[in-house]
């Protein structure tokens, strides 16, 4: 059983920054890839970023160059540093691992 708990969301002005965290428990964290997804109002959940066990990363085109995913295996935590935020980044952000385990989500609201 894997538990994922996101934190770090909030309200920020356009152009600002936030850092999301996702703490994992109940599994061998370091051997699995971790991902962030988001669900914007009225839209389907979409992929944001992924980091593999060897620390390679990939991003959705919409966030490339603005968001950075990282992980700290000693803390069983994955991060999403979000810079140059835009109103269209407003969404609930979810942490995911192994394609089946999800956190409860954290709300990010960007005011324009």
Protein backbone atom coordinates (compact mmCIF):
# COMPACT_ATOMS: atom_id res chain seq x y z
CA UNK A 1 0.00 0.00 0.00
CA UNK A 2 1.31 3.42 -1.03
CA UNK A 3 0.19 6.69 0.48
CA UNK A 4 0.91 10.01 -1.19
CA UNK A 5 0.34 13.36 0.51
CA UNK A 6 0.70 16.61 -1.44
CA UNK A 7 1.28 20.02 0.05
CA UNK A 8 2.42 23.49 -0.95
CA UNK A 9 -0.50 24.71 -2.99
CA UNK A 10 -2.02 28.14 -2.57
CA UNK A 11 -2.94 31.44 -4.17
CA UNK A 12 -0.26 33.31 -6.09
CA UNK A 13 -0.17 36.17 -8.56
CA UNK A 14 0.71 35.59 -12.18
CA UNK A 15 4.47 35.52 -12.60
CA UNK A 16 4.98 34.15 -9.11
CA UNK A 17 6.31 30.83 -7.88
CA UNK A 18 5.21 27.90 -5.75
CA UNK A 19 6.85 24.66 -4.74
CA UNK A 20 4.69 21.58 -4.32
CA UNK A 21 5.76 18.59 -2.29
CA UNK A 22 4.54 14.99 -2.32
CA UNK A 23 5.53 12.74 0.54
CA UNK A 24 5.31 9.00 -0.06
CA UNK A 25 5.04 6.21 2.45
CA UNK A 26 4.49 2.50 2.50
CA UNK A 27 6.80 1.56 -0.34
CA UNK A 28 10.37 1.50 -1.59
CA UNK A 29 10.29 5.03 -2.93
CA UNK A 30 13.61 5.22 -4.75
CA UNK A 31 12.98 2.48 -7.31
CA UNK A 32 9.82 3.97 -8.79
CA UNK A 33 9.09 6.86 -11.06
CA UNK A 34 6.98 9.72 -9.75
CA UNK A 35 4.72 12.07 -11.63
CA UNK A 36 2.63 15.18 -11.26
CA UNK A 37 -0.73 15.65 -12.95
CA UNK A 38 -3.28 18.43 -12.75
CA UNK A 39 -6.98 18.95 -13.26
CA UNK A 40 -8.11 22.40 -14.25
CA UNK A 41 -11.73 23.52 -13.82
CA UNK A 42 -13.90 21.95 -16.49
CA UNK A 43 -11.03 19.97 -17.98
CA UNK A 44 -9.69 16.44 -17.84
CA UNK A 45 -6.68 15.49 -15.78
CA UNK A 46 -3.45 16.10 -17.68
CA UNK A 47 0.16 15.09 -17.32
CA UNK A 48 2.57 17.72 -16.00
CA UNK A 49 5.94 16.12 -15.26
CA UNK A 50 7.65 12.83 -14.50
CA UNK A 51 10.90 11.84 -12.84
CA UNK A 52 12.24 8.32 -13.11
CA UNK A 53 14.27 6.33 -10.61
CA UNK A 54 17.46 7.41 -12.40
CA UNK A 55 16.40 11.08 -12.09
CA UNK A 56 15.67 11.55 -15.78
CA UNK A 57 12.76 13.94 -16.33
CA UNK A 58 10.16 14.87 -18.88
CA UNK A 59 7.56 17.60 -19.02
CA UNK A 60 4.38 18.62 -20.73
CA UNK A 61 5.07 21.22 -23.38
CA UNK A 62 2.87 23.71 -21.55
CA UNK A 63 5.19 23.78 -18.51
CA UNK A 64 8.58 23.09 -20.08
CA UNK A 65 11.10 25.71 -19.04
CA UNK A 66 8.93 26.96 -16.16
CA UNK A 67 8.43 23.89 -13.94
CA UNK A 68 11.09 21.60 -12.48
CA UNK A 69 10.44 18.20 -10.96
CA UNK A 70 12.93 16.75 -8.49
CA UNK A 71 13.11 14.07 -5.86
CA UNK A 72 14.80 13.44 -2.54
CA UNK A 73 14.95 9.71 -1.95
CA UNK A 74 16.22 10.18 1.60
CA UNK A 75 12.98 11.99 2.42
CA UNK A 76 10.69 9.89 0.17
CA UNK A 77 9.54 13.15 -1.37
CA UNK A 78 9.07 14.50 -4.88
CA UNK A 79 8.85 18.22 -5.60
CA UNK A 80 7.45 20.43 -8.31
CA UNK A 81 9.00 23.88 -8.50
CA UNK A 82 6.68 26.12 -10.48
CA UNK A 83 7.98 29.46 -11.73
CA UNK A 84 6.50 32.13 -13.99
CA UNK A 85 3.03 30.91 -13.12
CA UNK A 86 0.15 31.76 -15.42
CA UNK A 87 -3.60 31.89 -14.85
CA UNK A 88 -3.94 28.75 -16.96
CA UNK A 89 -1.83 26.85 -14.43
CA UNK A 90 -4.75 27.08 -12.00
CA UNK A 91 -5.69 23.50 -11.13
CA UNK A 92 -5.67 20.82 -8.52
CA UNK A 93 -2.25 19.16 -8.67
CA UNK A 94 -1.92 15.45 -7.96
CA UNK A 95 1.05 13.23 -7.26
CA UNK A 96 1.12 9.78 -8.85
CA UNK A 97 3.31 6.71 -8.79
CA UNK A 98 3.18 3.46 -10.72
CA UNK A 99 0.17 4.74 -12.58
CA UNK A 100 -2.22 3.64 -9.89
CA UNK A 101 -1.51 5.48 -6.66
CA UNK A 102 -2.75 9.05 -6.26
CA UNK A 103 -2.60 11.67 -3.57
CA UNK A 104 -5.56 13.79 -2.51
CA UNK A 105 -4.41 16.79 -4.51
CA UNK A 106 -3.41 20.35 -3.65
CA UNK A 107 -5.08 23.44 -5.09
CA UNK A 108 -3.02 25.98 -7.01
CA UNK A 109 -4.74 29.23 -7.94
CA UNK A 110 -2.97 31.83 -10.05
CA UNK A 111 -4.58 35.25 -10.18
CA UNK A 112 -4.09 37.39 -13.27
